[in-house]
Amino acid sequence: MTATTGLPAPEVVRPRTTLVGTMFASAASFMVFLGVVVIYVLERADARALGQEWFPEGTVELGPSGFVFWTLLLSVFTVQWAVQAIDNEDRPHAFVALAITGLFGAAVFNQMWFIINDVGFALAASRGQFLFFVVNGTFIVFLIGAVVFLALTFLRALAGQFGPKRSDAVASAALYWHM
């Protein structure tokens, strides 16, 4: 009979903690943005009911907003491409996909900045113009957070920390990006 020494129990691996935390952060961010949009819609409905003009006619063009929509739609595919590439251990494509998604985020920021400057609104001119800045500013803050999350994930991917069995952070960045 051989004597064995008692080894300590291995550390418990808690899978997907990053993903669960990102789910909570995404839900909180979504609720904040939804609350801002609801306030905007309610204030606009009250102004319309009183017969007040919300924005001067023709100040907000729909063209640049369409470019924001299509750019964000393309970024949904590129961020999922990054998740798929990491899961398949295709690191070069993961790097490209994360970089392209970050560039799409920078392009959306640029387009939003153009929209804000193009309308020529003053912050304290009217309630509608103020809420225009609040809604767009909230979106830009969350966009910057998502781009920073992607950039940190990209740097960690370059360092070799992700692979098929450790892809939760890339999936988390994609989840927050979809928010």
C-alpha atoms as a PDB file:
ATOM      1  CA  MET A   1       0.000   0.000   0.000  1.00  0.00           C
ATOM      2  CA  THR A   2       1.387   3.357  -0.969  1.00  0.00           C
ATOM      3  CA  ALA A   3       0.870   6.469   1.013  1.00  0.00           C
ATOM      4  CA  THR A   4      -0.222   9.515  -0.865  1.00  0.00           C
ATOM      5  CA  THR A   5      -0.069  13.053   0.265  1.00  0.00           C
ATOM      6  CA  GLY A   6      -3.265  15.034   0.327  1.00  0.00           C
ATOM      7  CA  LEU A   7      -3.209  17.544  -2.469  1.00  0.00           C
ATOM      8  CA  PRO A   8      -5.267  20.692  -2.244  1.00  0.00           C
ATOM      9  CA  ALA A   9      -8.390  20.822  -4.341  1.00  0.00           C
ATOM     10  CA  PRO A  10      -7.965  22.561  -7.674  1.00  0.00           C
ATOM     11  CA  GLU A  11      -9.211  26.086  -8.062  1.00  0.00           C
ATOM     12  CA  VAL A  12     -12.822  26.172  -9.169  1.00  0.00           C
ATOM     13  CA  VAL A  13     -13.129  27.507 -12.681  1.00  0.00           C
ATOM     14  CA  ARG A  14     -16.120  29.765 -13.076  1.00  0.00           C
ATOM     15  CA  PRO A  15     -16.903  29.817 -16.769  1.00  0.00           C
ATOM     16  CA  ARG A  16     -18.360  32.816 -18.540  1.00  0.00           C
ATOM     17  CA  THR A  17     -18.098  35.329 -15.691  1.00  0.00           C
ATOM     18  CA  THR A  18     -17.037  38.005 -18.168  1.00  0.00           C
ATOM     19  CA  LEU A  19     -20.004  37.226 -20.375  1.00  0.00           C
ATOM     20  CA  VAL A  20     -22.469  37.340 -17.479  1.00  0.00           C
ATOM     21  CA  GLY A  21     -21.030  40.637 -16.244  1.00  0.00           C
ATOM     22  CA  THR A  22     -21.244  42.077 -19.735  1.00  0.00           C
ATOM     23  CA  MET A  23     -24.866  40.940 -19.977  1.00  0.00           C
ATOM     24  CA  PHE A  24     -25.681  42.936 -16.848  1.00  0.00           C
ATOM     25  CA  ALA A  25     -23.720  45.973 -18.077  1.00  0.00           C
ATOM     26  CA  SER A  26     -25.398  45.764 -21.489  1.00  0.00           C
ATOM     27  CA  ALA A  27     -28.835  45.508 -19.903  1.00  0.00           C
ATOM     28  CA  ALA A  28     -28.119  48.521 -17.699  1.00  0.00           C
ATOM     29  CA  SER A  29     -26.802  50.533 -20.648  1.00  0.00           C
ATOM     30  CA  PHE A  30     -29.818  49.583 -22.732  1.00  0.00           C
ATOM     31  CA  MET A  31     -32.207  50.642 -19.971  1.00  0.00           C
ATOM     32  CA  VAL A  32     -30.451  53.997 -19.571  1.00  0.00           C
ATOM     33  CA  PHE A  33     -30.611  54.660 -23.300  1.00  0.00           C
ATOM     34  CA  LEU A  34     -34.223  53.484 -23.493  1.00  0.00           C
ATOM     35  CA  GLY A  35     -35.090  55.824 -20.615  1.00  0.00           C
ATOM     36  CA  VAL A  36     -33.494  58.756 -22.436  1.00  0.00           C
ATOM     37  CA  VAL A  37     -35.400  57.935 -25.630  1.00  0.00           C
ATOM     38  CA  VAL A  38     -38.680  57.593 -23.699  1.00  0.00           C
ATOM     39  CA  ILE A  39     -38.161  61.028 -22.122  1.00  0.00           C
ATOM     40  CA  TYR A  40     -37.463  62.438 -25.590  1.00  0.00           C
ATOM     41  CA  VAL A  41     -40.606  60.870 -27.080  1.00  0.00           C
ATOM     42  CA  LEU A  42     -42.833  61.986 -24.186  1.00  0.00           C
ATOM     43  CA  GLU A  43     -41.539  65.554 -24.298  1.00  0.00           C
ATOM     44  CA  ARG A  44     -41.991  65.639 -28.066  1.00  0.00           C
ATOM     45  CA  ALA A  45     -45.558  64.343 -27.757  1.00  0.00           C
ATOM     46  CA  ASP A  46     -46.341  67.032 -25.159  1.00  0.00           C
ATOM     47  CA  ALA A  47     -44.897  69.746 -27.394  1.00  0.00           C
ATOM     48  CA  ARG A  48     -46.888  68.492 -30.399  1.00  0.00           C
ATOM     49  CA  ALA A  49     -50.084  68.379 -28.310  1.00  0.00           C
ATOM     50  CA  LEU A  50     -49.562  72.035 -27.385  1.00  0.00           C
ATOM     51  CA  GLY A  51     -48.942  72.909 -31.044  1.00  0.00           C
ATOM     52  CA  GLN A  52     -45.312  73.885 -30.501  1.00  0.00           C
ATOM     53  CA  GLU A  53     -42.672  73.341 -33.157  1.00  0.00           C
ATOM     54  CA  TRP A  54     -40.157  70.711 -32.030  1.00  0.00           C
ATOM     55  CA  PHE A  55     -37.412  71.387 -34.576  1.00  0.00           C
ATOM     56  CA  PRO A  56     -37.362  73.978 -37.326  1.00  0.00           C
ATOM     57  CA  GLU A  57     -38.450  72.346 -40.588  1.00  0.00           C
ATOM     58  CA  GLY A  58     -35.596  70.791 -42.587  1.00  0.00           C
ATOM     59  CA  THR A  59     -32.820  71.134 -39.995  1.00  0.00           C
ATOM     60  CA  VAL A  60     -32.268  67.424 -39.373  1.00  0.00           C
ATOM     61  CA  GLU A  61     -31.326  65.605 -42.558  1.00  0.00           C
ATOM     62  CA  LEU A  62     -31.978  61.888 -42.792  1.00  0.00           C
ATOM     63  CA  GLY A  63     -29.045  61.066 -45.108  1.00  0.00           C
ATOM     64  CA  PRO A  64     -26.252  61.076 -42.506  1.00  0.00           C
ATOM     65  CA  SER A  65     -28.430  59.106 -40.082  1.00  0.00           C
ATOM     66  CA  GLY A  66     -28.882  56.477 -42.780  1.00  0.00           C
ATOM     67  CA  PHE A  67     -25.116  56.154 -43.076  1.00  0.00           C
ATOM     68  CA  VAL A  68     -24.919  55.646 -39.298  1.00  0.00           C
ATOM     69  CA  PHE A  69     -27.507  52.865 -39.557  1.00  0.00           C
ATOM     70  CA  TRP A  70     -25.769  51.054 -42.426  1.00  0.00           C
ATOM     71  CA  THR A  71     -22.345  51.384 -40.798  1.00  0.00           C
ATOM     72  CA  LEU A  72     -23.671  49.913 -37.556  1.00  0.00           C
ATOM     73  CA  LEU A  73     -25.360  47.119 -39.493  1.00  0.00           C
ATOM     74  CA  LEU A  74     -22.053  46.218 -41.163  1.00  0.00           C
ATOM     75  CA  SER A  75     -20.284  46.307 -37.799  1.00  0.00           C
ATOM     76  CA  VAL A  76     -22.699  43.695 -36.429  1.00  0.00           C
ATOM     77  CA  PHE A  77     -21.352  41.242 -38.988  1.00  0.00           C
ATOM     78  CA  THR A  78     -17.691  42.116 -38.456  1.00  0.00           C
ATOM     79  CA  VAL A  79     -17.864  41.764 -34.672  1.00  0.00           C
ATOM     80  CA  GLN A  80     -19.497  38.339 -35.047  1.00  0.00           C
ATOM     81  CA  TRP A  81     -16.783  37.470 -37.546  1.00  0.00           C
ATOM     82  CA  ALA A  82     -14.248  38.168 -34.776  1.00  0.00           C
ATOM     83  CA  VAL A  83     -16.048  35.809 -32.388  1.00  0.00           C
ATOM     84  CA  GLN A  84     -16.230  33.076 -35.028  1.00  0.00           C
ATOM     85  CA  ALA A  85     -12.558  33.529 -35.946  1.00  0.00           C
ATOM     86  CA  ILE A  86     -11.409  33.250 -32.316  1.00  0.00           C
ATOM     87  CA  ASP A  87     -13.565  30.146 -31.829  1.00  0.00           C
ATOM     88  CA  ASN A  88     -11.939  28.575 -34.916  1.00  0.00           C
ATOM     89  CA  GLU A  89      -8.443  29.649 -33.797  1.00  0.00           C
ATOM     90  CA  ASP A  90      -8.095  31.842 -36.870  1.00  0.00           C
ATOM     91  CA  ARG A  91      -6.203  34.658 -35.194  1.00  0.00           C
ATOM     92  CA  PRO A  92      -5.348  36.761 -38.276  1.00  0.00           C
ATOM     93  CA  HIS A  93      -9.014  37.018 -39.245  1.00  0.00           C
ATOM     94  CA  ALA A  94      -9.950  37.808 -35.648  1.00  0.00           C
ATOM     95  CA  PHE A  95      -7.457  40.692 -35.651  1.00  0.00           C
ATOM     96  CA  VAL A  96      -8.823  42.010 -38.938  1.00  0.00           C
ATOM     97  CA  ALA A  97     -12.432  41.693 -37.789  1.00  0.00           C
ATOM     98  CA  LEU A  98     -11.785  43.465 -34.482  1.00  0.00           C
ATOM     99  CA  ALA A  99      -9.855  46.232 -36.244  1.00  0.00           C
ATOM    100  CA  ILE A 100     -12.564  46.738 -38.872  1.00  0.00           C
ATOM    101  CA  THR A 101     -15.241  46.859 -36.184  1.00  0.00           C
ATOM    102  CA  GLY A 102     -13.233  49.484 -34.314  1.00  0.00           C
ATOM    103  CA  LEU A 103     -12.899  51.498 -37.506  1.00  0.00           C
ATOM    104  CA  PHE A 104     -16.652  51.231 -38.036  1.00  0.00           C
ATOM    105  CA  GLY A 105     -17.086  52.596 -34.512  1.00  0.00           C
ATOM    106  CA  ALA A 106     -14.781  55.517 -35.314  1.00  0.00           C
ATOM    107  CA  ALA A 107     -16.735  56.125 -38.532  1.00  0.00           C
ATOM    108  CA  VAL A 108     -20.036  56.200 -36.634  1.00  0.00           C
ATOM    109  CA  PHE A 109     -18.533  58.657 -34.145  1.00  0.00           C
ATOM    110  CA  ASN A 110     -17.407  60.836 -37.050  1.00  0.00           C
ATOM    111  CA  GLN A 111     -20.860  60.667 -38.638  1.00  0.00           C
ATOM    112  CA  MET A 112     -22.567  61.551 -35.351  1.00  0.00           C
ATOM    113  CA  TRP A 113     -20.215  64.486 -34.875  1.00  0.00           C
ATOM    114  CA  PHE A 114     -21.101  65.679 -38.377  1.00  0.00           C
ATOM    115  CA  ILE A 115     -24.828  65.399 -37.638  1.00  0.00           C
ATOM    116  CA  ILE A 116     -24.503  67.362 -34.397  1.00  0.00           C
ATOM    117  CA  ASN A 117     -22.500  70.120 -36.092  1.00  0.00           C
ATOM    118  CA  ASP A 118     -24.674  70.139 -39.221  1.00  0.00           C
ATOM    119  CA  VAL A 119     -27.976  70.829 -37.470  1.00  0.00           C
ATOM    120  CA  GLY A 120     -26.622  73.993 -35.843  1.00  0.00           C
ATOM    121  CA  PHE A 121     -28.642  73.595 -32.661  1.00  0.00           C
ATOM    122  CA  ALA A 122     -27.830  75.516 -29.507  1.00  0.00           C
ATOM    123  CA  LEU A 123     -27.782  73.584 -26.268  1.00  0.00           C
ATOM    124  CA  ALA A 124     -30.155  75.913 -24.417  1.00  0.00           C
ATOM    125  CA  ALA A 125     -32.268  77.117 -27.355  1.00  0.00           C
ATOM    126  CA  SER A 126     -35.288  74.882 -26.750  1.00  0.00           C
ATOM    127  CA  ARG A 127     -36.295  71.724 -24.949  1.00  0.00           C
ATOM    128  CA  GLY A 128     -36.284  69.757 -28.219  1.00  0.00           C
ATOM    129  CA  GLN A 129     -32.793  70.863 -29.150  1.00  0.00           C
ATOM    130  CA  PHE A 130     -31.523  70.105 -25.638  1.00  0.00           C
ATOM    131  CA  LEU A 131     -33.003  66.596 -25.754  1.00  0.00           C
ATOM    132  CA  PHE A 132     -31.481  66.118 -29.222  1.00  0.00           C
ATOM    133  CA  PHE A 133     -28.069  66.626 -27.610  1.00  0.00           C
ATOM    134  CA  VAL A 134     -28.961  64.363 -24.676  1.00  0.00           C
ATOM    135  CA  VAL A 135     -30.016  61.436 -26.892  1.00  0.00           C
ATOM    136  CA  ASN A 136     -27.061  61.769 -29.251  1.00  0.00           C
ATOM    137  CA  GLY A 137     -24.616  62.376 -26.409  1.00  0.00           C
ATOM    138  CA  THR A 138     -25.809  59.276 -24.586  1.00  0.00           C
ATOM    139  CA  PHE A 139     -25.382  57.231 -27.749  1.00  0.00           C
ATOM    140  CA  ILE A 140     -21.872  58.620 -28.282  1.00  0.00           C
ATOM    141  CA  VAL A 141     -20.845  57.824 -24.686  1.00  0.00           C
ATOM    142  CA  PHE A 142     -21.974  54.202 -25.076  1.00  0.00           C
ATOM    143  CA  LEU A 143     -20.293  54.027 -28.499  1.00  0.00           C
ATOM    144  CA  ILE A 144     -16.993  55.224 -27.029  1.00  0.00           C
ATOM    145  CA  GLY A 145     -17.320  52.617 -24.266  1.00  0.00           C
ATOM    146  CA  ALA A 146     -17.901  49.882 -26.841  1.00  0.00           C
ATOM    147  CA  VAL A 147     -14.920  50.995 -28.942  1.00  0.00           C
ATOM    148  CA  VAL A 148     -12.673  51.039 -25.854  1.00  0.00           C
ATOM    149  CA  PHE A 149     -13.935  47.544 -24.925  1.00  0.00           C
ATOM    150  CA  LEU A 150     -13.104  46.366 -28.457  1.00  0.00           C
ATOM    151  CA  ALA A 151      -9.675  48.020 -28.363  1.00  0.00           C
ATOM    152  CA  LEU A 152      -8.763  46.326 -25.073  1.00  0.00           C
ATOM    153  CA  THR A 153     -10.035  43.007 -26.418  1.00  0.00           C
ATOM    154  CA  PHE A 154      -7.961  43.539 -29.564  1.00  0.00           C
ATOM    155  CA  LEU A 155      -4.824  44.180 -27.491  1.00  0.00           C
ATOM    156  CA  ARG A 156      -5.455  41.073 -25.396  1.00  0.00           C
ATOM    157  CA  ALA A 157      -6.015  39.063 -28.581  1.00  0.00           C
ATOM    158  CA  LEU A 158      -2.690  40.318 -29.931  1.00  0.00           C
ATOM    159  CA  ALA A 159      -1.055  39.109 -26.719  1.00  0.00           C
ATOM    160  CA  GLY A 160      -2.431  35.634 -27.387  1.00  0.00           C
ATOM    161  CA  GLN A 161      -4.842  35.386 -24.468  1.00  0.00           C
ATOM    162  CA  PHE A 162      -7.780  34.067 -26.500  1.00  0.00           C
ATOM    163  CA  GLY A 163      -8.466  30.809 -28.268  1.00  0.00           C
ATOM    164  CA  PRO A 164     -11.260  28.309 -28.813  1.00  0.00           C
ATOM    165  CA  LYS A 165     -11.486  27.508 -25.097  1.00  0.00           C
ATOM    166  CA  ARG A 166     -10.977  31.102 -23.934  1.00  0.00           C
ATOM    167  CA  SER A 167     -13.114  33.275 -26.168  1.00  0.00           C
ATOM    168  CA  ASP A 168     -15.481  34.730 -23.571  1.00  0.00           C
ATOM    169  CA  ALA A 169     -13.969  38.213 -23.654  1.00  0.00           C
ATOM    170  CA  VAL A 170     -14.368  38.480 -27.428  1.00  0.00           C
ATOM    171  CA  ALA A 171     -17.959  37.265 -27.134  1.00  0.00           C
ATOM    172  CA  SER A 172     -18.490  39.804 -24.333  1.00  0.00           C
ATOM    173  CA  ALA A 173     -17.150  42.642 -26.460  1.00  0.00           C
ATOM    174  CA  ALA A 174     -19.456  41.524 -29.264  1.00  0.00           C
ATOM    175  CA  LEU A 175     -22.419  41.397 -26.883  1.00  0.00           C
ATOM    176  CA  TYR A 176     -21.786  44.945 -25.665  1.00  0.00           C
ATOM    177  CA  TRP A 177     -21.258  46.090 -29.241  1.00  0.00           C
ATOM    178  CA  HIS A 178     -24.668  44.692 -30.212  1.00  0.00           C
ATOM    179  CA  MET A 179     -26.256  46.633 -27.388  1.00  0.00           C
END
